[in-house]
C-alpha atoms as a PDB file:
ATOM      1  CA  MET A   1     -49.243  37.134 -23.842  1.00  0.00           C
ATOM      2  CA  GLN A   2     -45.972  35.994 -25.597  1.00  0.00           C
ATOM      3  CA  LYS A   3     -44.303  38.155 -28.071  1.00  0.00           C
ATOM      4  CA  ARG A   4     -44.250  35.349 -30.633  1.00  0.00           C
ATOM      5  CA  SER A   5     -48.105  35.081 -30.605  1.00  0.00           C
ATOM      6  CA  ARG A   6     -48.364  38.720 -31.716  1.00  0.00           C
ATOM      7  CA  LEU A   7     -48.417  39.783 -35.209  1.00  0.00           C
ATOM      8  CA  SER A   8     -45.910  42.501 -35.747  1.00  0.00           C
ATOM      9  CA  ARG A   9     -44.947  42.530 -39.259  1.00  0.00           C
ATOM     10  CA  SER A  10     -46.782  44.903 -41.970  1.00  0.00           C
ATOM     11  CA  SER A  11     -46.890  41.851 -44.049  1.00  0.00           C
ATOM     12  CA  GLU A  12     -48.610  39.598 -41.582  1.00  0.00           C
ATOM     13  CA  PHE A  13     -51.026  42.353 -41.053  1.00  0.00           C
ATOM     14  CA  GLN A  14     -51.621  42.711 -44.904  1.00  0.00           C
ATOM     15  CA  ARG A  15     -52.104  38.975 -45.487  1.00  0.00           C
ATOM     16  CA  VAL A  16     -54.880  38.844 -42.759  1.00  0.00           C
ATOM     17  CA  TYR A  17     -56.449  42.126 -44.410  1.00  0.00           C
ATOM     18  CA  ARG A  18     -56.399  40.785 -47.848  1.00  0.00           C
ATOM     19  CA  GLN A  19     -57.070  37.189 -47.373  1.00  0.00           C
ATOM     20  CA  GLY A  20     -58.964  37.053 -44.397  1.00  0.00           C
ATOM     21  CA  THR A  21     -62.482  37.546 -43.251  1.00  0.00           C
ATOM     22  CA  SER A  22     -64.021  40.567 -41.333  1.00  0.00           C
ATOM     23  CA  LYS A  23     -66.711  41.020 -38.824  1.00  0.00           C
ATOM     24  CA  ALA A  24     -67.456  44.332 -37.119  1.00  0.00           C
ATOM     25  CA  SER A  25     -69.495  45.794 -34.025  1.00  0.00           C
ATOM     26  CA  ARG A  26     -69.696  49.161 -32.458  1.00  0.00           C
ATOM     27  CA  PHE A  27     -66.789  48.922 -30.726  1.00  0.00           C
ATOM     28  CA  LEU A  28     -64.267  46.739 -32.859  1.00  0.00           C
ATOM     29  CA  VAL A  29     -63.282  45.160 -36.068  1.00  0.00           C
ATOM     30  CA  LEU A  30     -62.144  41.573 -36.429  1.00  0.00           C
ATOM     31  CA  TYR A  31     -60.173  40.208 -39.197  1.00  0.00           C
ATOM     32  CA  TYR A  32     -59.327  36.566 -39.101  1.00  0.00           C
ATOM     33  CA  PHE A  33     -57.286  34.293 -41.278  1.00  0.00           C
ATOM     34  CA  GLU A  34     -56.585  30.604 -41.356  1.00  0.00           C
ATOM     35  CA  HIS A  35     -52.698  29.624 -41.746  1.00  0.00           C
ATOM     36  CA  PRO A  36     -51.727  27.230 -44.459  1.00  0.00           C
ATOM     37  CA  SER A  37     -52.143  23.576 -43.393  1.00  0.00           C
ATOM     38  CA  GLY A  38     -48.376  23.281 -42.469  1.00  0.00           C
ATOM     39  CA  ALA A  39     -48.083  26.320 -40.039  1.00  0.00           C
ATOM     40  CA  VAL A  40     -49.860  25.633 -36.584  1.00  0.00           C
ATOM     41  CA  SER A  41     -48.607  27.779 -33.679  1.00  0.00           C
ATOM     42  CA  THR A  42     -49.035  26.964 -29.988  1.00  0.00           C
ATOM     43  CA  GLU A  43     -51.694  29.764 -29.581  1.00  0.00           C
ATOM     44  CA  PRO A  44     -53.643  32.204 -31.817  1.00  0.00           C
ATOM     45  CA  ARG A  45     -51.617  35.040 -32.770  1.00  0.00           C
ATOM     46  CA  LEU A  46     -53.263  38.769 -32.340  1.00  0.00           C
ATOM     47  CA  GLY A  47     -52.354  41.846 -34.013  1.00  0.00           C
ATOM     48  CA  LEU A  48     -53.969  45.078 -32.910  1.00  0.00           C
ATOM     49  CA  SER A  49     -54.583  48.553 -34.450  1.00  0.00           C
ATOM     50  CA  VAL A  50     -55.509  51.504 -32.287  1.00  0.00           C
ATOM     51  CA  SER A  51     -55.515  54.776 -34.134  1.00  0.00           C
ATOM     52  CA  LYS A  52     -55.196  58.269 -32.723  1.00  0.00           C
ATOM     53  CA  LYS A  53     -59.035  58.657 -33.335  1.00  0.00           C
ATOM     54  CA  VAL A  54     -59.526  56.531 -30.228  1.00  0.00           C
ATOM     55  CA  GLY A  55     -57.828  58.904 -27.899  1.00  0.00           C
ATOM     56  CA  GLY A  56     -54.402  60.162 -26.869  1.00  0.00           C
ATOM     57  CA  ALA A  57     -51.207  57.853 -25.942  1.00  0.00           C
ATOM     58  CA  VAL A  58     -52.528  56.887 -22.402  1.00  0.00           C
ATOM     59  CA  VAL A  59     -56.034  55.945 -23.664  1.00  0.00           C
ATOM     60  CA  ARG A  60     -54.491  53.982 -26.594  1.00  0.00           C
ATOM     61  CA  ASN A  61     -52.236  52.050 -24.423  1.00  0.00           C
ATOM     62  CA  ARG A  62     -54.979  51.236 -22.038  1.00  0.00           C
ATOM     63  CA  VAL A  63     -57.297  50.031 -24.675  1.00  0.00           C
ATOM     64  CA  LYS A  64     -54.415  47.714 -26.201  1.00  0.00           C
ATOM     65  CA  ARG A  65     -53.868  46.498 -22.657  1.00  0.00           C
ATOM     66  CA  LEU A  66     -57.429  45.631 -22.089  1.00  0.00           C
ATOM     67  CA  LEU A  67     -57.771  44.039 -25.566  1.00  0.00           C
ATOM     68  CA  ARG A  68     -54.618  41.762 -24.932  1.00  0.00           C
ATOM     69  CA  GLU A  69     -55.817  40.681 -21.549  1.00  0.00           C
ATOM     70  CA  ALA A  70     -59.551  39.995 -23.065  1.00  0.00           C
ATOM     71  CA  PHE A  71     -57.934  38.118 -26.113  1.00  0.00           C
ATOM     72  CA  GLN A  72     -55.578  36.200 -23.905  1.00  0.00           C
ATOM     73  CA  GLU A  73     -58.587  34.957 -21.818  1.00  0.00           C
ATOM     74  CA  SER A  74     -60.486  33.788 -24.899  1.00  0.00           C
ATOM     75  CA  ALA A  75     -57.524  32.166 -26.687  1.00  0.00           C
ATOM     76  CA  PRO A  76     -57.933  28.776 -25.192  1.00  0.00           C
ATOM     77  CA  ARG A  77     -61.226  28.811 -27.109  1.00  0.00           C
ATOM     78  CA  LEU A  78     -60.155  29.980 -30.377  1.00  0.00           C
ATOM     79  CA  SER A  79     -58.371  28.052 -33.179  1.00  0.00           C
ATOM     80  CA  ARG A  80     -54.544  28.074 -33.227  1.00  0.00           C
ATOM     81  CA  ARG A  81     -54.635  27.786 -36.893  1.00  0.00           C
ATOM     82  CA  HIS A  82     -55.709  31.571 -37.223  1.00  0.00           C
ATOM     83  CA  ASP A  83     -54.245  34.938 -36.888  1.00  0.00           C
ATOM     84  CA  TYR A  84     -56.684  37.783 -35.749  1.00  0.00           C
ATOM     85  CA  VAL A  85     -56.265  41.549 -36.124  1.00  0.00           C
ATOM     86  CA  LEU A  86     -58.481  43.669 -34.011  1.00  0.00           C
ATOM     87  CA  ILE A  87     -59.152  47.330 -34.951  1.00  0.00           C
ATOM     88  CA  ALA A  88     -60.428  49.417 -32.206  1.00  0.00           C
ATOM     89  CA  ARG A  89     -63.193  52.119 -32.909  1.00  0.00           C
ATOM     90  CA  PRO A  90     -63.322  55.363 -31.091  1.00  0.00           C
ATOM     91  CA  PRO A  91     -66.326  54.306 -28.994  1.00  0.00           C
ATOM     92  CA  ILE A  92     -64.124  51.663 -27.139  1.00  0.00           C
ATOM     93  CA  ALA A  93     -62.537  54.273 -25.590  1.00  0.00           C
ATOM     94  CA  GLU A  94     -65.429  54.857 -23.369  1.00  0.00           C
ATOM     95  CA  LEU A  95     -65.726  51.125 -22.463  1.00  0.00           C
ATOM     96  CA  ALA A  96     -62.043  51.607 -21.263  1.00  0.00           C
ATOM     97  CA  GLU A  97     -62.827  54.621 -19.306  1.00  0.00           C
ATOM     98  CA  ARG A  98     -65.838  52.973 -17.585  1.00  0.00           C
ATOM     99  CA  GLN A  99     -63.674  49.766 -16.702  1.00  0.00           C
ATOM    100  CA  ALA A 100     -60.957  52.015 -15.459  1.00  0.00           C
ATOM    101  CA  ARG A 101     -63.526  53.556 -12.982  1.00  0.00           C
ATOM    102  CA  GLY A 102     -64.735  50.156 -11.927  1.00  0.00           C
ATOM    103  CA  GLU A 103     -67.084  48.347 -14.063  1.00  0.00           C
ATOM    104  CA  LYS A 104     -65.932  44.801 -14.786  1.00  0.00           C
ATOM    105  CA  ARG A 105     -65.162  43.136 -18.011  1.00  0.00           C
ATOM    106  CA  LEU A 106     -66.761  45.557 -20.397  1.00  0.00           C
ATOM    107  CA  VAL A 107     -63.931  45.116 -22.969  1.00  0.00           C
ATOM    108  CA  HIS A 108     -63.872  41.463 -22.477  1.00  0.00           C
ATOM    109  CA  GLU A 109     -67.648  41.276 -23.195  1.00  0.00           C
ATOM    110  CA  ALA A 110     -67.291  43.442 -26.357  1.00  0.00           C
ATOM    111  CA  LEU A 111     -64.803  41.155 -27.782  1.00  0.00           C
ATOM    112  CA  ASP A 112     -66.292  37.874 -26.661  1.00  0.00           C
ATOM    113  CA  GLU A 113     -69.552  39.194 -28.438  1.00  0.00           C
ATOM    114  CA  LEU A 114     -67.671  39.841 -31.599  1.00  0.00           C
ATOM    115  CA  LEU A 115     -65.756  36.361 -31.416  1.00  0.00           C
ATOM    116  CA  ARG A 116     -69.042  34.760 -31.259  1.00  0.00           C
ATOM    117  CA  SER A 117     -70.847  36.624 -34.049  1.00  0.00           C
ATOM    118  CA  ALA A 118     -67.788  36.074 -36.182  1.00  0.00           C
ATOM    119  CA  GLY A 119     -68.297  32.279 -35.439  1.00  0.00           C
ATOM    120  CA  VAL A 120     -64.609  31.654 -34.204  1.00  0.00           C
ATOM    121  CA  MET A 121     -66.081  30.842 -30.705  1.00  0.00           C
ATOM    122  CA  THR A 122     -69.458  29.573 -29.586  1.00  0.00           C
ATOM    123  CA  ALA A 123     -71.801  31.286 -27.058  1.00  0.00           C
ATOM    124  CA  THR A 124     -71.577  28.258 -24.743  1.00  0.00           C
ATOM    125  CA  GLU A 125     -67.688  28.186 -24.669  1.00  0.00           C
ATOM    126  CA  ALA A 126     -67.592  31.939 -23.831  1.00  0.00           C
ATOM    127  CA  THR A 127     -70.107  31.543 -20.749  1.00  0.00           C
ATOM    128  CA  GLY A 128     -67.867  29.250 -19.146  1.00  0.00           C
ATOM    129  CA  THR A 129     -65.515  31.959 -18.295  1.00  0.00           C
ATOM    130  CA  GLU A 130     -65.235  33.164 -14.602  1.00  0.00           C
END
């Protein structure tokens, strides 16, 4: 994921929080906001928020890496006109740990399910992944 396809400034996060729409699951909270009509980027932009409630630095960094990977895989099926902010909830640390022990695609599936329930990715598009 390119740095330019990430949200990094506090003002960008605040715009998505204030003007965007949210959807939550047990593991994640998704905020998404459509850009003004003139600003279309080459790929959807992502911002991550993983608090200390999720775990120590090692766990938080693992969760962020897994979320970036999952989002990058889903990005071709998402609108390029949106900014997305994912907030990790503490139960996602268990998914990351199980995935580190060898179970496959747990974080990917949690993110795909949330994106489908929010209506920004359809179920048929999500099942086309490998």
